[in-house]
Amino acid sequence: MIFLGGISQGFATYLCSWGFLDVEWHEYDDGGHWINEPQGVDDFVAFLRRTMGE
């Protein structure tokens, strides 16, 4: 799920407060609310691999 601007940081904090441990927050200098390439895609793939046990 992708959220805009400060909403996503607040949502990440909210999820952590409810006990979701696999929450990460990354900000990138460019890309706006889109997935940043290539670093954002690499971070997304690494997160999925780590949380799905691959």
N, C-alpha and C. Protein backbone atom coordinates (compact mmCIF):
# COMPACT_ATOMS: atom_id res chain seq x y z
N MET A 1 0.84 -1.16 0.00
CA MET A 1 0.00 0.00 0.00
C MET A 1 0.89 1.23 0.00
N ILE A 2 0.55 2.22 -0.81
CA ILE A 2 1.34 3.45 -0.90
C ILE A 2 0.49 4.61 -0.42
N PHE A 3 1.05 5.45 0.43
CA PHE A 3 0.36 6.61 0.96
C PHE A 3 1.13 7.87 0.61
N LEU A 4 0.43 8.98 0.56
CA LEU A 4 1.04 10.25 0.20
C LEU A 4 1.68 10.94 1.40
N GLY A 5 2.83 11.57 1.14
CA GLY A 5 3.47 12.47 2.09
C GLY A 5 3.47 12.04 3.54
N GLY A 6 3.12 12.98 4.43
CA GLY A 6 3.13 12.75 5.86
C GLY A 6 2.13 11.70 6.32
N ILE A 7 1.11 11.44 5.51
CA ILE A 7 0.12 10.42 5.87
C ILE A 7 0.80 9.07 6.05
N SER A 8 1.72 8.72 5.16
CA SER A 8 2.34 7.40 5.22
C SER A 8 3.23 7.26 6.44
N GLN A 9 3.94 8.31 6.81
CA GLN A 9 4.78 8.24 8.01
C GLN A 9 3.90 8.08 9.24
N GLY A 10 2.81 8.80 9.30
CA GLY A 10 1.89 8.66 10.42
C GLY A 10 1.26 7.29 10.46
N PHE A 11 0.94 6.74 9.30
CA PHE A 11 0.34 5.41 9.24
C PHE A 11 1.34 4.35 9.69
N ALA A 12 2.60 4.50 9.31
CA ALA A 12 3.63 3.57 9.76
C ALA A 12 3.74 3.59 11.29
N THR A 13 3.71 4.78 11.87
CA THR A 13 3.75 4.91 13.33
C THR A 13 2.52 4.26 13.96
N TYR A 14 1.37 4.47 13.36
CA TYR A 14 0.12 3.88 13.85
C TYR A 14 0.19 2.35 13.84
N LEU A 15 0.68 1.78 12.74
CA LEU A 15 0.80 0.32 12.66
C LEU A 15 1.73 -0.22 13.73
N CYS A 16 2.85 0.46 13.96
CA CYS A 16 3.79 0.03 15.00
C CYS A 16 3.13 0.07 16.37
N SER A 17 2.31 1.08 16.61
CA SER A 17 1.65 1.20 17.91
C SER A 17 0.65 0.07 18.15
N TRP A 18 0.17 -0.54 17.08
CA TRP A 18 -0.77 -1.67 17.19
C TRP A 18 -0.06 -3.02 17.19
N GLY A 19 1.28 -3.00 17.22
CA GLY A 19 2.02 -4.24 17.34
C GLY A 19 2.51 -4.85 16.04
N PHE A 20 2.30 -4.17 14.92
CA PHE A 20 2.84 -4.67 13.66
C PHE A 20 4.34 -4.39 13.66
N LEU A 21 5.14 -5.44 13.68
CA LEU A 21 6.58 -5.28 13.83
C LEU A 21 7.30 -5.11 12.51
N ASP A 22 6.72 -5.57 11.43
CA ASP A 22 7.38 -5.50 10.12
C ASP A 22 6.92 -4.27 9.35
N VAL A 23 7.18 -3.11 9.94
CA VAL A 23 6.83 -1.85 9.30
C VAL A 23 8.12 -1.08 9.08
N GLU A 24 8.32 -0.61 7.88
CA GLU A 24 9.50 0.19 7.56
C GLU A 24 9.05 1.49 6.92
N TRP A 25 9.82 2.53 7.16
CA TRP A 25 9.54 3.83 6.56
C TRP A 25 10.79 4.28 5.84
N HIS A 26 10.65 4.60 4.56
CA HIS A 26 11.77 5.11 3.76
C HIS A 26 11.32 6.38 3.06
N GLU A 27 12.18 7.38 3.05
CA GLU A 27 11.93 8.61 2.28
C GLU A 27 13.04 8.74 1.26
N TYR A 28 12.66 9.18 0.07
CA TYR A 28 13.62 9.37 -1.01
C TYR A 28 13.53 10.81 -1.50
N ASP A 29 14.65 11.35 -1.96
CA ASP A 29 14.71 12.74 -2.38
C ASP A 29 13.83 13.05 -3.58
N ASP A 30 13.64 12.07 -4.46
CA ASP A 30 12.81 12.31 -5.63
C ASP A 30 11.78 11.20 -5.78
N GLY A 31 10.80 11.43 -6.59
CA GLY A 31 9.80 10.41 -6.84
C GLY A 31 8.43 10.73 -6.30
N GLY A 32 8.33 11.75 -5.43
CA GLY A 32 7.03 12.09 -4.88
C GLY A 32 6.39 10.92 -4.17
N HIS A 33 5.13 10.64 -4.47
CA HIS A 33 4.44 9.52 -3.82
C HIS A 33 4.54 8.23 -4.62
N TRP A 34 5.32 8.25 -5.70
CA TRP A 34 5.53 7.05 -6.50
C TRP A 34 6.65 6.23 -5.91
N ILE A 35 6.75 4.98 -6.32
CA ILE A 35 7.87 4.14 -5.88
C ILE A 35 9.13 4.64 -6.57
N ASN A 36 10.12 4.98 -5.78
CA ASN A 36 11.38 5.50 -6.29
C ASN A 36 12.15 4.38 -6.97
N GLU A 37 12.73 4.69 -8.14
CA GLU A 37 13.56 3.72 -8.85
C GLU A 37 15.00 4.20 -8.85
N PRO A 38 15.97 3.36 -8.66
CA PRO A 38 15.86 1.93 -8.39
C PRO A 38 15.80 1.61 -6.89
N GLN A 39 16.20 2.57 -6.03
CA GLN A 39 16.34 2.26 -4.60
C GLN A 39 15.04 1.83 -3.94
N GLY A 40 13.94 2.48 -4.25
CA GLY A 40 12.66 2.12 -3.64
C GLY A 40 12.22 0.73 -4.02
N VAL A 41 12.44 0.37 -5.28
CA VAL A 41 12.09 -0.98 -5.74
C VAL A 41 12.98 -2.01 -5.04
N ASP A 42 14.26 -1.71 -4.94
CA ASP A 42 15.19 -2.62 -4.26
C ASP A 42 14.80 -2.80 -2.79
N ASP A 43 14.43 -1.70 -2.13
CA ASP A 43 14.00 -1.79 -0.73
C ASP A 43 12.72 -2.60 -0.59
N PHE A 44 11.80 -2.42 -1.53
CA PHE A 44 10.53 -3.15 -1.52
C PHE A 44 10.76 -4.65 -1.68
N VAL A 45 11.61 -5.02 -2.63
CA VAL A 45 11.93 -6.44 -2.87
C VAL A 45 12.63 -7.04 -1.66
N ALA A 46 13.58 -6.30 -1.07
CA ALA A 46 14.29 -6.80 0.11
C ALA A 46 13.33 -7.01 1.27
N PHE A 47 12.38 -6.09 1.45
CA PHE A 47 11.39 -6.23 2.53
C PHE A 47 10.53 -7.48 2.31
N LEU A 48 10.06 -7.68 1.09
CA LEU A 48 9.24 -8.86 0.80
C LEU A 48 10.01 -10.14 1.02
N ARG A 49 11.25 -10.18 0.58
CA ARG A 49 12.06 -11.39 0.77
C ARG A 49 12.29 -11.67 2.25
N ARG A 50 12.57 -10.62 3.01
CA ARG A 50 12.83 -10.79 4.43
C ARG A 50 11.57 -11.23 5.18
N THR A 51 10.43 -10.63 4.88
CA THR A 51 9.21 -10.94 5.63
C THR A 51 8.54 -12.22 5.15
N MET A 52 8.83 -12.64 3.92
CA MET A 52 8.22 -13.86 3.40
C MET A 52 9.16 -15.06 3.50
N GLY A 53 10.35 -14.84 4.07
CA GLY A 53 11.27 -15.94 4.32
C GLY A 53 11.99 -16.45 3.10
N GLU A 54 12.22 -15.61 2.13
CA GLU A 54 12.96 -16.05 0.94
C GLU A 54 14.38 -15.56 1.00
